[in-house]
């Protein structure tokens, strides 16, 4: 059997779009003849972890990559792991998962010398990342996520009650989960029959659960901690409407997964990954960011029209077909081929210009290499030991011998 190049995808051990994407990609490429995709989790050991490689610290992860080289690594948001891309035999792919300067564009620019190729998950992410990268912008590939799409849609819909679901990180930055509170209040005032399941984990999970109990106790809002990704298909099929109230996204994996199972997406007009996927009032609904009244009206419209609910859900299923995971995996393997075929080194003068300053990361690596060379040269010098009588060893000078003679003479 031919040796397969390891492809290591770093991430975290919780329900998120990146985790779901990594697990599905690993499964889709399990039998690939050239690449062996594995997931890497860095942190406290967890018996529930589904990662192939689990280490406790970043240095352990870096050492593991050295052992696996030649290897391709996708550090994702584990930013210090990008430094491994400057080591022999390790090539990094920079994933731009969201349309955000702080979370992705700036870090991806900083680690640019260590990155062999970029993948942006939407056309908006690709365009904005290119503006930040400049000379390296030609190395960006646009590839929205792939998800598992059932070969046929077999499910039932219901409106009494309408079953709503959110699955993902329960956080306020980006995800705006506190907007669910006024949304539920609007639904109660409109007397829309519903149940709302919130699945995931995050720093707002407990506080949000508490405020729902205190502020809207009549609402049937149920909180569920993270679940293994393999169980999510059953959850999608048992719900009718997917809700997302984000400020920004890349291309939402949970939205695509919901659509793949015929769940109607009702989402806010996030800055990326919505246009071209959802055609409002045809295969889903798009409302302005923060406008929970408009979202409640879209939910009420579906609750009052069972035929519209099913028609829109089946349109969502058809719209998910181009994002089928096996098709995505073939495109992703093509990018891996490009990375492996590319020259491992680049001409710094061509990339940065003859008179441009050296990138700080490269300058740091040059200083480290120089220090390592000086240390190695020093270690090759003759060993000398300091004894009571002075320095002895190879190259002992006459002055030492004369010193001994002078002491005897004295």
Protein backbone atom coordinates (compact mmCIF):
# COMPACT_ATOMS: atom_id res chain seq x y z
CA UNK A 1 0.00 0.00 0.00
CA UNK A 2 1.29 3.45 -0.95
CA UNK A 3 2.10 5.88 1.84
CA UNK A 4 -0.68 8.40 2.37
CA UNK A 5 0.22 11.94 3.37
CA UNK A 6 -1.27 12.83 6.78
CA UNK A 7 -3.65 15.79 6.73
CA UNK A 8 -4.20 17.08 10.26
CA UNK A 9 -7.21 19.28 11.05
CA UNK A 10 -6.92 21.05 14.41
CA UNK A 11 -9.97 22.05 16.39
CA UNK A 12 -11.84 21.91 19.65
CA UNK A 13 -13.93 19.27 21.36
CA UNK A 14 -17.36 20.92 21.20
CA UNK A 15 -20.28 21.25 18.83
CA UNK A 16 -19.47 23.88 16.23
CA UNK A 17 -19.52 24.32 12.49
CA UNK A 18 -15.77 23.81 12.20
CA UNK A 19 -15.92 20.60 14.25
CA UNK A 20 -18.81 19.24 12.17
CA UNK A 21 -17.04 20.11 8.92
CA UNK A 22 -13.79 18.45 10.05
CA UNK A 23 -15.50 15.23 11.11
CA UNK A 24 -17.50 14.97 7.88
CA UNK A 25 -14.45 15.68 5.72
CA UNK A 26 -12.47 13.01 7.57
CA UNK A 27 -15.20 10.47 6.85
CA UNK A 28 -15.55 11.48 3.20
CA UNK A 29 -11.79 11.08 2.55
CA UNK A 30 -11.35 7.95 4.71
CA UNK A 31 -10.47 5.78 1.69
CA UNK A 32 -8.56 8.38 -0.32
CA UNK A 33 -5.47 6.83 -1.95
CA UNK A 34 -3.16 9.82 -1.31
CA UNK A 35 -4.33 11.51 1.90
CA UNK A 36 -5.10 10.35 5.42
CA UNK A 37 -7.24 12.99 7.15
CA UNK A 38 -7.12 13.06 10.95
CA UNK A 39 -8.48 15.45 13.55
CA UNK A 40 -6.37 16.96 16.32
CA UNK A 41 -7.66 18.23 19.66
CA UNK A 42 -5.44 20.29 21.96
CA UNK A 43 -6.49 20.64 25.57
CA UNK A 44 -7.61 18.76 28.62
CA UNK A 45 -8.10 15.09 27.83
CA UNK A 46 -11.75 14.18 27.45
CA UNK A 47 -13.07 10.65 27.25
CA UNK A 48 -15.82 11.88 24.94
CA UNK A 49 -13.36 13.32 22.44
CA UNK A 50 -13.79 11.94 18.95
CA UNK A 51 -10.44 13.33 17.76
CA UNK A 52 -7.89 10.97 16.21
CA UNK A 53 -5.03 12.76 17.97
CA UNK A 54 -5.50 14.25 21.42
CA UNK A 55 -2.71 16.15 23.15
CA UNK A 56 -2.68 18.36 26.21
CA UNK A 57 -0.40 21.21 25.11
CA UNK A 58 0.65 23.08 22.00
CA UNK A 59 4.31 21.86 22.16
CA UNK A 60 3.01 18.28 22.16
CA UNK A 61 0.98 19.06 19.04
CA UNK A 62 3.99 20.60 17.30
CA UNK A 63 6.14 17.58 18.18
CA UNK A 64 3.44 15.29 16.78
CA UNK A 65 3.49 17.17 13.48
CA UNK A 66 7.28 16.79 13.28
CA UNK A 67 6.90 13.05 13.78
CA UNK A 68 4.30 12.83 10.99
CA UNK A 69 6.19 14.98 8.44
CA UNK A 70 5.77 15.24 5.54
CA UNK A 71 2.34 16.44 6.63
CA UNK A 72 -0.32 19.02 5.75
CA UNK A 73 -1.88 20.82 8.72
CA UNK A 74 -4.99 22.99 8.96
CA UNK A 75 -4.52 24.85 12.27
CA UNK A 76 -7.87 26.68 11.91
CA UNK A 77 -8.11 29.03 14.94
CA UNK A 78 -5.20 27.39 16.84
CA UNK A 79 -3.01 30.26 15.68
CA UNK A 80 0.39 29.35 17.23
CA UNK A 81 0.24 26.03 15.37
CA UNK A 82 0.79 27.96 12.12
CA UNK A 83 4.44 28.37 13.13
CA UNK A 84 4.87 24.70 12.28
CA UNK A 85 4.51 25.68 8.62
CA UNK A 86 8.01 27.17 8.76
CA UNK A 87 9.52 23.79 9.64
CA UNK A 88 10.75 21.25 7.08
CA UNK A 89 8.11 18.89 5.74
CA UNK A 90 5.11 20.71 7.28
CA UNK A 91 2.76 22.68 5.04
CA UNK A 92 -0.08 24.81 6.40
CA UNK A 93 -3.44 25.60 4.86
CA UNK A 94 -5.06 28.75 6.22
CA UNK A 95 -8.83 28.36 6.58
CA UNK A 96 -10.86 31.58 6.58
CA UNK A 97 -14.01 30.42 8.37
CA UNK A 98 -15.72 33.79 8.92
CA UNK A 99 -15.98 37.29 7.52
CA UNK A 100 -14.23 39.02 10.39
CA UNK A 101 -11.09 41.14 10.57
CA UNK A 102 -10.10 40.34 14.14
CA UNK A 103 -10.90 36.63 14.15
CA UNK A 104 -9.48 35.72 10.74
CA UNK A 105 -8.15 38.36 8.33
CA UNK A 106 -5.49 39.84 10.60
CA UNK A 107 -4.20 36.53 12.03
CA UNK A 108 -4.09 34.95 8.57
CA UNK A 109 -2.04 37.92 7.32
CA UNK A 110 0.35 37.72 10.27
CA UNK A 111 1.11 34.04 9.67
CA UNK A 112 1.24 34.47 5.90
CA UNK A 113 4.88 33.29 5.47
CA UNK A 114 3.96 29.96 7.09
CA UNK A 115 0.86 29.37 4.93
CA UNK A 116 1.09 27.48 1.65
CA UNK A 117 -2.54 27.97 0.56
CA UNK A 118 -5.69 29.70 1.75
CA UNK A 119 -9.26 28.41 1.61
CA UNK A 120 -12.12 30.88 2.05
CA UNK A 121 -15.57 29.47 2.77
CA UNK A 122 -17.46 32.14 0.79
CA UNK A 123 -16.91 34.59 -2.02
CA UNK A 124 -17.19 37.46 0.48
CA UNK A 125 -14.47 35.95 2.68
CA UNK A 126 -12.23 35.38 -0.35
CA UNK A 127 -12.65 38.95 -1.58
CA UNK A 128 -12.05 40.58 1.80
CA UNK A 129 -9.11 38.33 2.65
CA UNK A 130 -7.49 39.18 -0.70
CA UNK A 131 -7.64 42.88 0.17
CA UNK A 132 -5.70 42.20 3.37
CA UNK A 133 -3.13 39.80 1.89
CA UNK A 134 -2.02 41.73 -1.13
CA UNK A 135 0.86 39.85 -2.76
CA UNK A 136 -0.32 36.44 -1.55
CA UNK A 137 -3.93 36.89 -2.70
CA UNK A 138 -3.52 34.60 -5.71
CA UNK A 139 -3.17 31.66 -3.32
CA UNK A 140 -6.79 31.89 -2.10
CA UNK A 141 -9.26 29.19 -3.13
CA UNK A 142 -13.00 29.75 -2.61
CA UNK A 143 -14.67 26.59 -1.37
CA UNK A 144 -17.91 26.71 0.67
CA UNK A 145 -18.35 23.87 3.16
CA UNK A 146 -19.68 20.48 2.26
CA UNK A 147 -22.31 18.64 4.31
CA UNK A 148 -23.87 15.20 4.23
CA UNK A 149 -27.04 15.37 2.12
CA UNK A 150 -29.44 12.38 2.30
CA UNK A 151 -30.05 10.74 -1.07
CA UNK A 152 -33.79 11.38 -0.61
CA UNK A 153 -35.80 13.43 1.82
CA UNK A 154 -38.05 11.33 4.03
CA UNK A 155 -39.58 13.39 6.79
CA UNK A 156 -42.80 14.90 8.14
CA UNK A 157 -43.60 18.51 8.99
CA UNK A 158 -45.86 19.88 11.70
CA UNK A 159 -47.13 23.30 12.74
CA UNK A 160 -48.94 22.63 16.02
CA UNK A 161 -46.51 23.15 17.52
CA UNK A 162 -43.92 24.35 15.03
CA UNK A 163 -40.56 22.85 16.01
CA UNK A 164 -37.73 25.42 16.03
CA UNK A 165 -34.03 24.63 16.46
CA UNK A 166 -30.72 26.40 16.92
CA UNK A 167 -27.55 24.27 17.00
CA UNK A 168 -24.13 25.82 17.53
CA UNK A 169 -22.09 27.94 19.89
CA UNK A 170 -24.21 29.68 22.51
CA UNK A 171 -22.27 32.97 22.58
CA UNK A 172 -23.14 36.62 22.11
CA UNK A 173 -20.21 37.80 19.93
CA UNK A 174 -21.05 36.82 16.35
CA UNK A 175 -23.96 34.50 17.25
CA UNK A 176 -26.08 37.15 19.11
CA UNK A 177 -27.94 34.45 21.07
CA UNK A 178 -29.54 37.02 23.38
CA UNK A 179 -31.72 38.05 20.42
CA UNK A 180 -33.62 34.81 20.98
CA UNK A 181 -35.24 36.37 24.06
CA UNK A 182 -37.15 39.15 22.23
CA UNK A 183 -37.87 36.70 19.41
CA UNK A 184 -39.64 34.33 21.79
CA UNK A 185 -41.53 37.25 23.34
CA UNK A 186 -42.81 38.26 19.88
CA UNK A 187 -43.90 34.67 19.21
CA UNK A 188 -45.79 34.48 22.49
CA UNK A 189 -47.60 37.76 21.81
CA UNK A 190 -48.55 36.50 18.33
CA UNK A 191 -49.80 33.24 19.90
CA UNK A 192 -47.66 31.11 17.59
CA UNK A 193 -47.60 27.49 18.81
CA UNK A 194 -43.94 26.43 19.02
CA UNK A 195 -41.23 24.55 20.84
CA UNK A 196 -37.66 25.82 20.62
CA UNK A 197 -34.62 23.59 21.14
CA UNK A 198 -31.22 25.24 21.68
CA UNK A 199 -28.39 22.72 21.27
CA UNK A 200 -24.74 23.48 21.93
CA UNK A 201 -22.46 25.03 24.48
CA UNK A 202 -20.78 28.31 25.24
CA UNK A 203 -20.34 31.04 27.81
CA UNK A 204 -23.95 32.21 27.48
CA UNK A 205 -25.56 28.77 27.77
CA UNK A 206 -26.32 29.00 31.52
CA UNK A 207 -27.18 32.72 31.66
CA UNK A 208 -29.51 32.45 28.65
CA UNK A 209 -31.27 29.45 30.14
CA UNK A 210 -31.73 31.35 33.40
CA UNK A 211 -33.18 34.46 31.75
CA UNK A 212 -35.68 32.40 29.79
CA UNK A 213 -36.87 30.74 32.98
CA UNK A 214 -37.18 34.07 34.77
CA UNK A 215 -38.49 36.30 31.99
CA UNK A 216 -40.63 34.05 29.77
CA UNK A 217 -41.47 30.97 31.86
CA UNK A 218 -44.49 30.21 29.66
CA UNK A 219 -42.28 29.63 26.62
CA UNK A 220 -41.40 26.05 25.73
CA UNK A 221 -37.66 26.68 25.26
CA UNK A 222 -35.45 23.67 25.93
CA UNK A 223 -31.68 23.72 26.37
CA UNK A 224 -29.53 20.73 25.42
CA UNK A 225 -25.76 20.46 25.99
CA UNK A 226 -23.48 19.54 23.12
CA UNK A 227 -24.27 16.31 21.32
CA UNK A 228 -22.03 14.15 19.11
CA UNK A 229 -22.25 15.16 15.48
CA UNK A 230 -23.41 11.68 14.48
CA UNK A 231 -26.66 12.32 16.41
CA UNK A 232 -27.48 15.62 14.71
CA UNK A 233 -29.22 14.06 11.70
CA UNK A 234 -32.05 12.79 13.93
CA UNK A 235 -32.37 16.22 15.53
CA UNK A 236 -32.66 17.93 12.14
CA UNK A 237 -35.37 15.53 10.99
CA UNK A 238 -37.38 16.20 14.16
CA UNK A 239 -37.50 19.95 13.58
CA UNK A 240 -39.17 22.18 11.03
CA UNK A 241 -37.39 25.56 11.20
CA UNK A 242 -33.72 26.44 11.74
CA UNK A 243 -32.99 29.81 13.36
CA UNK A 244 -29.80 31.85 13.12
CA UNK A 245 -29.42 35.45 14.33
CA UNK A 246 -25.69 36.02 13.68
CA UNK A 247 -23.91 39.28 12.98
CA UNK A 248 -21.52 37.57 10.58
CA UNK A 249 -20.68 34.09 9.33
CA UNK A 250 -18.48 32.46 6.73
CA UNK A 251 -20.93 29.99 5.32
CA UNK A 252 -22.89 28.47 8.19
CA UNK A 253 -22.39 24.70 8.41
CA UNK A 254 -25.40 24.24 10.66
CA UNK A 255 -27.55 26.18 8.18
CA UNK A 256 -26.42 23.93 5.31
CA UNK A 257 -26.94 20.80 7.41
CA UNK A 258 -30.44 21.92 8.36
CA UNK A 259 -31.31 22.63 4.74
CA UNK A 260 -29.92 19.24 3.70
CA UNK A 261 -32.54 17.66 5.99
CA UNK A 262 -35.40 19.81 4.73
CA UNK A 263 -35.42 22.22 7.69
CA UNK A 264 -36.51 25.70 6.64
CA UNK A 265 -33.80 28.29 7.41
CA UNK A 266 -34.88 31.63 8.84
CA UNK A 267 -31.70 33.65 9.28
CA UNK A 268 -30.40 37.18 9.59
CA UNK A 269 -28.63 38.88 6.69
CA UNK A 270 -25.13 38.08 7.91
CA UNK A 271 -22.26 39.61 5.97
CA UNK A 272 -21.18 36.36 4.32
CA UNK A 273 -22.48 33.01 3.14
CA UNK A 274 -26.18 33.87 2.79
CA UNK A 275 -26.33 35.46 -0.64
CA UNK A 276 -26.42 32.75 -3.28
CA UNK A 277 -27.53 30.06 -0.83
CA UNK A 278 -30.91 31.27 0.44
CA UNK A 279 -33.46 32.78 -1.90
CA UNK A 280 -35.80 34.49 0.54
CA UNK A 281 -39.39 33.17 0.56
CA UNK A 282 -38.40 30.41 -1.85
CA UNK A 283 -36.07 28.08 0.08
CA UNK A 284 -35.92 30.05 3.34
CA UNK A 285 -36.25 33.52 4.83
CA UNK A 286 -33.72 36.30 5.42
CA UNK A 287 -34.41 39.20 7.81
CA UNK A 288 -32.31 42.20 8.89
CA UNK A 289 -29.79 41.64 11.69
CA UNK A 290 -31.44 42.31 15.06
CA UNK A 291 -34.99 42.49 13.63
CA UNK A 292 -36.67 39.85 15.75
CA UNK A 293 -40.12 41.15 14.92
CA UNK A 294 -39.54 40.33 11.25
CA UNK A 295 -38.20 36.90 12.17
CA UNK A 296 -41.25 36.21 14.32
CA UNK A 297 -43.51 37.22 11.42
CA UNK A 298 -41.74 34.75 9.09
CA UNK A 299 -42.16 31.98 11.69
CA UNK A 300 -45.85 32.86 12.11
CA UNK A 301 -46.34 32.74 8.34
CA UNK A 302 -45.06 29.16 8.25
CA UNK A 303 -47.07 28.17 11.33
CA UNK A 304 -50.26 29.34 9.58
CA UNK A 305 -49.53 27.58 6.28
CA UNK A 306 -48.48 23.90 6.56
CA UNK A 307 -48.26 23.54 2.79
CA UNK A 308 -45.88 26.52 2.57
CA UNK A 309 -43.74 25.00 5.32
CA UNK A 310 -43.33 21.71 3.45
CA UNK A 311 -42.83 23.38 0.07
CA UNK A 312 -40.12 25.67 1.44
CA UNK A 313 -38.45 22.81 3.32
CA UNK A 314 -38.20 20.67 0.21
CA UNK A 315 -36.83 23.63 -1.74
CA UNK A 316 -34.19 24.03 0.97
CA UNK A 317 -33.26 20.36 0.54
CA UNK A 318 -32.80 20.84 -3.21
CA UNK A 319 -30.71 23.98 -2.62
CA UNK A 320 -28.32 21.96 -0.44
CA UNK A 321 -27.42 19.51 -3.21
CA UNK A 322 -24.44 21.51 -4.58
CA UNK A 323 -22.88 21.38 -1.10
CA UNK A 324 -22.89 17.58 -0.90
CA UNK A 325 -19.85 16.37 1.05
CA UNK A 326 -18.46 13.87 -1.47
CA UNK A 327 -18.40 16.57 -4.14
CA UNK A 328 -16.72 18.92 -1.66
CA UNK A 329 -14.17 16.26 -0.68
CA UNK A 330 -13.05 15.84 -4.30
CA UNK A 331 -12.51 19.59 -4.64
CA UNK A 332 -10.68 19.69 -1.32
CA UNK A 333 -8.38 16.84 -2.40
CA UNK A 334 -7.58 18.85 -5.53
CA UNK A 335 -6.40 21.73 -3.33
CA UNK A 336 -4.25 19.29 -1.34
CA UNK A 337 -2.68 18.19 -4.63
CA UNK A 338 -1.79 21.82 -5.39
CA UNK A 339 -0.23 22.26 -1.97
CA UNK A 340 1.88 19.13 -2.28
CA UNK A 341 3.00 20.00 -5.82
CA UNK A 342 4.04 23.56 -4.94
CA UNK A 343 7.61 24.47 -4.16
CA UNK A 344 8.19 24.35 -0.39
CA UNK A 345 10.28 27.53 -0.45
CA UNK A 346 9.51 30.90 -1.99
CA UNK A 347 11.62 33.86 -3.05
CA UNK A 348 11.23 36.49 -0.34
CA UNK A 349 12.34 39.30 -2.66
CA UNK A 350 9.68 38.42 -5.23
CA UNK A 351 6.93 38.13 -2.62
CA UNK A 352 7.73 41.21 -0.53
CA UNK A 353 9.72 43.34 -2.97
CA UNK A 354 13.44 44.03 -3.05
CA UNK A 355 13.18 47.15 -0.88
CA UNK A 356 10.32 46.05 1.38
CA UNK A 357 11.01 45.19 5.02
CA UNK A 358 11.20 41.52 5.88
CA UNK A 359 7.99 40.14 7.37
CA UNK A 360 8.38 40.10 11.19
CA UNK A 361 7.62 36.39 11.36
CA UNK A 362 10.34 35.61 8.83
CA UNK A 363 12.75 37.91 10.63
CA UNK A 364 12.02 36.05 13.85
CA UNK A 365 12.68 32.71 12.16
CA UNK A 366 15.94 34.00 10.70
CA UNK A 367 17.08 35.14 14.15
CA UNK A 368 16.14 31.78 15.66
CA UNK A 369 18.03 29.93 12.91
CA UNK A 370 21.08 32.16 13.42
CA UNK A 371 21.03 31.53 17.19
CA UNK A 372 20.69 27.79 16.63
CA UNK A 373 23.65 27.83 14.25
CA UNK A 374 25.77 29.79 16.72
CA UNK A 375 24.84 27.40 19.51
CA UNK A 376 25.74 24.39 17.38
CA UNK A 377 29.08 25.98 16.46
CA UNK A 378 29.80 26.73 20.10
CA UNK A 379 28.99 23.16 21.11
CA UNK A 380 31.56 21.87 18.62
CA UNK A 381 34.42 23.74 20.33
CA UNK A 382 36.81 21.80 22.64
CA UNK A 383 35.37 21.11 26.05
CA UNK A 384 37.12 22.98 28.86
CA UNK A 385 36.73 22.55 32.56
CA UNK A 386 37.49 24.97 35.36
CA UNK A 387 39.53 23.43 38.18
CA UNK A 388 41.22 24.98 41.16
CA UNK A 389 44.37 25.50 39.21
CA UNK A 390 42.66 27.20 36.26
CA UNK A 391 41.35 26.09 32.83
CA UNK A 392 42.54 22.71 31.56
CA UNK A 393 41.60 20.64 28.58
CA UNK A 394 42.43 20.48 24.95
CA UNK A 395 44.51 23.50 24.05
CA UNK A 396 45.88 24.05 27.59
CA UNK A 397 48.24 27.00 27.29
CA UNK A 398 51.85 27.37 28.41
CA UNK A 399 50.77 30.10 30.78
CA UNK A 400 49.03 27.46 32.88
CA UNK A 401 52.15 25.27 32.94
CA UNK A 402 54.29 28.32 33.77
CA UNK A 403 51.92 29.15 36.57
CA UNK A 404 52.51 25.72 38.10
CA UNK A 405 56.28 26.18 37.75
CA UNK A 406 56.19 29.60 39.37
CA UNK A 407 54.26 28.23 42.34
CA UNK A 408 56.91 25.48 42.84
CA UNK A 409 59.68 28.06 42.56
CA UNK A 410 58.05 30.22 45.12
